[in-house]
Amino acid sequence: MALNIQFITHPGPGVIDMLMTRMGTSGKKTLEVVNFSAVGLVQGRLVDMIAAADIAEKAAAVHVFDLKGTCPQHLTMIGIFGEIAAVKTSLEAIQAQEGLG
C-alpha cells in the first residue's frame, strides 16, 4: 500500500464542514450522531482504502467513512472518526500493514 496519512485532533468547524461535503447523505446523518475528537485521513488506491477501513475498524472503536472527491489518479480517501486514542491506534495499525498488501 502506498498511502498518504494525516491525523487531525480537535478538527475545527471549517474542517468538519469540508469533510461533511465529501460524505454521502447517509454518512452525514451518521456523523451528526458520532462523538469524535479526532479524524484520521487516509488516501490511496480504492483496494487499499477498503483494506485500511477494515484494519481501522478492527483495531479500535472508530467510524470509517468514504470521502468522495475527484482525483485523476484514481485515488480515494477515507475518514476515520473517533476519540483521539482510538483514531491514533487505527492509523498505527494501518501503517503497520503498509507494504504488506
Protein backbone atom coordinates (compact mmCIF):
# COMPACT_ATOMS: atom_id res chain seq x y z
CA MET A 1 0.00 0.00 0.00
CA ALA A 2 1.27 3.47 -0.85
CA LEU A 3 -0.75 5.66 1.47
CA ASN A 4 -0.91 9.29 2.44
CA ILE A 5 -1.97 9.52 6.10
CA GLN A 6 -2.89 12.59 8.15
CA PHE A 7 -4.01 12.82 11.79
CA ILE A 8 -6.13 15.77 12.93
CA THR A 9 -7.03 16.31 16.58
CA HIS A 10 -9.92 18.57 17.54
CA PRO A 11 -10.84 19.50 13.93
CA GLY A 12 -12.24 22.99 13.54
CA PRO A 13 -15.73 23.73 12.22
CA GLY A 14 -14.41 24.57 8.75
CA VAL A 15 -12.59 21.24 8.50
CA ILE A 16 -15.70 19.39 9.65
CA ASP A 17 -17.75 21.22 7.01
CA MET A 18 -15.20 20.28 4.32
CA LEU A 19 -15.34 16.63 5.34
CA MET A 20 -19.12 16.57 5.50
CA THR A 21 -19.41 17.95 1.96
CA ARG A 22 -17.38 14.94 0.80
CA MET A 23 -19.59 12.41 2.57
CA GLY A 24 -22.72 10.89 1.16
CA THR A 25 -26.09 11.66 2.71
CA SER A 26 -26.05 8.60 4.96
CA GLY A 27 -22.52 9.45 6.12
CA LYS A 28 -23.55 13.00 7.05
CA LYS A 29 -26.51 11.73 9.07
CA THR A 30 -24.34 9.18 10.86
CA LEU A 31 -21.54 11.66 11.57
CA GLU A 32 -24.04 14.04 13.19
CA VAL A 33 -24.60 11.50 15.99
CA VAL A 34 -20.99 10.29 16.32
CA ASN A 35 -18.89 11.82 19.08
CA PHE A 36 -15.35 12.39 17.85
CA SER A 37 -12.33 14.44 18.83
CA ALA A 38 -10.02 13.30 16.04
CA VAL A 39 -10.05 12.44 12.36
CA GLY A 40 -7.61 10.25 10.52
CA LEU A 41 -7.42 10.80 6.77
CA VAL A 42 -6.03 8.04 4.59
CA GLN A 43 -5.64 8.40 0.82
CA GLY A 44 -4.63 5.74 -1.68
CA ARG A 45 -5.95 3.25 -4.21
CA LEU A 46 -9.51 2.00 -3.74
CA VAL A 47 -8.46 -1.55 -2.90
CA ASP A 48 -6.06 -0.25 -0.26
CA MET A 49 -8.74 2.03 1.22
CA ILE A 50 -11.13 -0.87 1.68
CA ALA A 51 -8.38 -2.87 3.40
CA ALA A 52 -7.41 0.16 5.52
CA ALA A 53 -11.04 0.68 6.60
CA ASP A 54 -11.22 -2.95 7.71
CA ILE A 55 -7.95 -2.66 9.64
CA ALA A 56 -9.09 0.58 11.30
CA GLU A 57 -12.43 -0.82 12.45
CA LYS A 58 -10.81 -3.97 13.84
CA ALA A 59 -8.07 -2.04 15.66
CA ALA A 60 -10.26 0.37 17.66
CA ALA A 61 -13.75 1.76 18.22
CA VAL A 62 -13.89 4.16 15.26
CA HIS A 63 -16.29 5.08 12.48
CA VAL A 64 -14.96 4.95 8.92
CA PHE A 65 -16.48 6.87 6.02
CA ASP A 66 -15.66 7.12 2.32
CA LEU A 67 -14.82 10.71 1.43
CA LYS A 68 -15.86 11.41 -2.14
CA GLY A 69 -13.80 13.59 -4.42
CA THR A 70 -12.44 13.97 -7.89
CA CYS A 71 -8.96 12.65 -8.45
CA PRO A 72 -7.41 11.85 -11.83
CA GLN A 73 -5.01 9.30 -10.33
CA HIS A 74 -7.90 7.03 -9.23
CA LEU A 75 -7.12 7.68 -5.59
CA THR A 76 -9.75 7.75 -2.91
CA MET A 77 -9.84 8.81 0.71
CA ILE A 78 -11.39 7.53 3.89
CA GLY A 79 -12.04 9.43 7.10
CA ILE A 80 -11.60 7.65 10.40
CA PHE A 81 -13.58 9.38 13.15
CA GLY A 82 -13.39 8.74 16.89
CA GLU A 83 -11.65 9.63 20.11
CA ILE A 84 -8.00 10.67 19.79
CA ALA A 85 -6.52 7.42 21.16
CA ALA A 86 -8.81 5.23 19.04
CA VAL A 87 -8.03 7.08 15.79
CA LYS A 88 -4.30 7.03 16.59
CA THR A 89 -4.47 3.27 17.24
CA SER A 90 -6.29 2.71 13.94
CA LEU A 91 -3.77 4.77 11.97
CA GLU A 92 -0.86 2.93 13.61
CA ALA A 93 -2.46 -0.41 12.69
CA ILE A 94 -2.84 0.73 9.08
CA GLN A 95 0.76 1.91 8.95
CA ALA A 96 1.92 -1.42 10.41
CA GLN A 97 0.21 -3.20 7.49
CA GLU A 98 1.51 -0.78 4.85
CA GLY A 99 3.76 -2.53 2.37
CA LEU A 100 2.38 -5.97 3.18
CA GLY A 101 -0.52 -5.81 0.68
